[in-house]
């Protein structure tokens, strides 16, 4: 992909192609101000100022752009993204006003994942100028974090196993002169028994581990960020059908979100004491795979009966949440591609949000709406805890009912978070099944910017 830093630049009066933003209410006035030749071109293209439409117009010795938007007075993150994807390479500026939040979509719309292409598509950059130079670093930071999530999720499991997640976390730690703590082998079995049990059937090159990083002033409020790092999920002995495995390279999408959010926090020097935790495993099939009916120990001392080996993400998160809770954080945020039930409930675009405290849930919802990264709250309903009862252990990892699968999974996690801690859980898809402006098909960050904006508002 083109260097993101080059895609948006301060407007210092350099030559640029003008972009005229037009909504349906302003279409008549816009047409009156055009030349006869321009109106003819617009008519030929049946331009009606519909969102994401564009027409190139003759303009003196050059050309300009007419772009349809939903509301020319209030630009969303994605309203210019189709232009960034479809216009010729060059430098552009809005004919009036500044892009504001639309800068993000201009950058993310030019994302390409070309790691495995023998002949990557050669494209020049589409550069957008803005008079809001001070806004550029924050936009680029969010675009970079989004690209990181996309890159990690799009990478196949053979090249994005637990070791590669560790390497990415190591690079983050090294850039901030931090020590990365990684727990493996016999120590993992003793300290994080559910992480070990879920991942022990994988090949040695994909051996399980717990990845931890701490950053910031110890006197600042402690915030734990946790990401589910199941680098591939076969389902274990409760094996998935082939069609169910096709997207399972994305089952480490929670870890990708957590790494990206940690990078945003540290790069912005947010005044928190960050604790990043990534349990990284592959849920494989082998003679030593954990079985339906097994009872697992956990770090928290809670015994867990295995009702389904394909409900493994909540197991490794249970150990991570218990570890985070030992440090008495003020806030815990976790990200996980946890349940198909969440996708049935709210579809692919909306992360299902669970939170203990109403004010935290509301802050995340409002931050998501402001950032064009919406999430939708689902209930932590106490009445559903009975679905997780076990006859022989403290809890079962799979609900006994076909109802409320996302809520019962969240209630399982809730059991491992100390009661007095503010905790929120994102059940995110981390994937776009179809392209949208600024958001190509494939891995994507869903809930990342909502969490980041909330943290900024709460702590900055």
Foldseek 3Di string as FASTA:
>chain_A
DPDLLQAEEACPPDDAAEEEEDEQVCPVVVLVPDDPQQNVQCVVVVDRLAQLDKGWGDDVPRIHMYHRRNDPVDAALFRCLSVLQDPAATEYEYPDDFRPNVSLLSRLSPDDDCPPPPDDDDGHGYHYHGNPRVCVVVSVLVSVLFSQLQNQQQDALVCNAPVNLQVLVVVLQVVVVWDKDKDFDPRCCVQFVLLQQQAVFDDPVRGWIKIKTKDADPVFFEEEEEFEAQCFEQQEPLGDPPVVRPSRNNQRSQSSLLSSLVSVCVVVVFHYTYMYIYTTHHRDYDPSHDDQQDWTAGNLRFIEHENTSSQSSLSSLLNVQLVSQVVPGQEYETEGLGDPVQCVVPNQQAWEKEWPDPVLVVLLQVQCVVSVQHHHYDYLDPVQQVQQDDPPTRTYSAGVDPPPRVNNSVNSSVVSHPPVHTYMYTNHNQFDCDDDRSRHGGGGDHSSRSVNSSSVVVTD
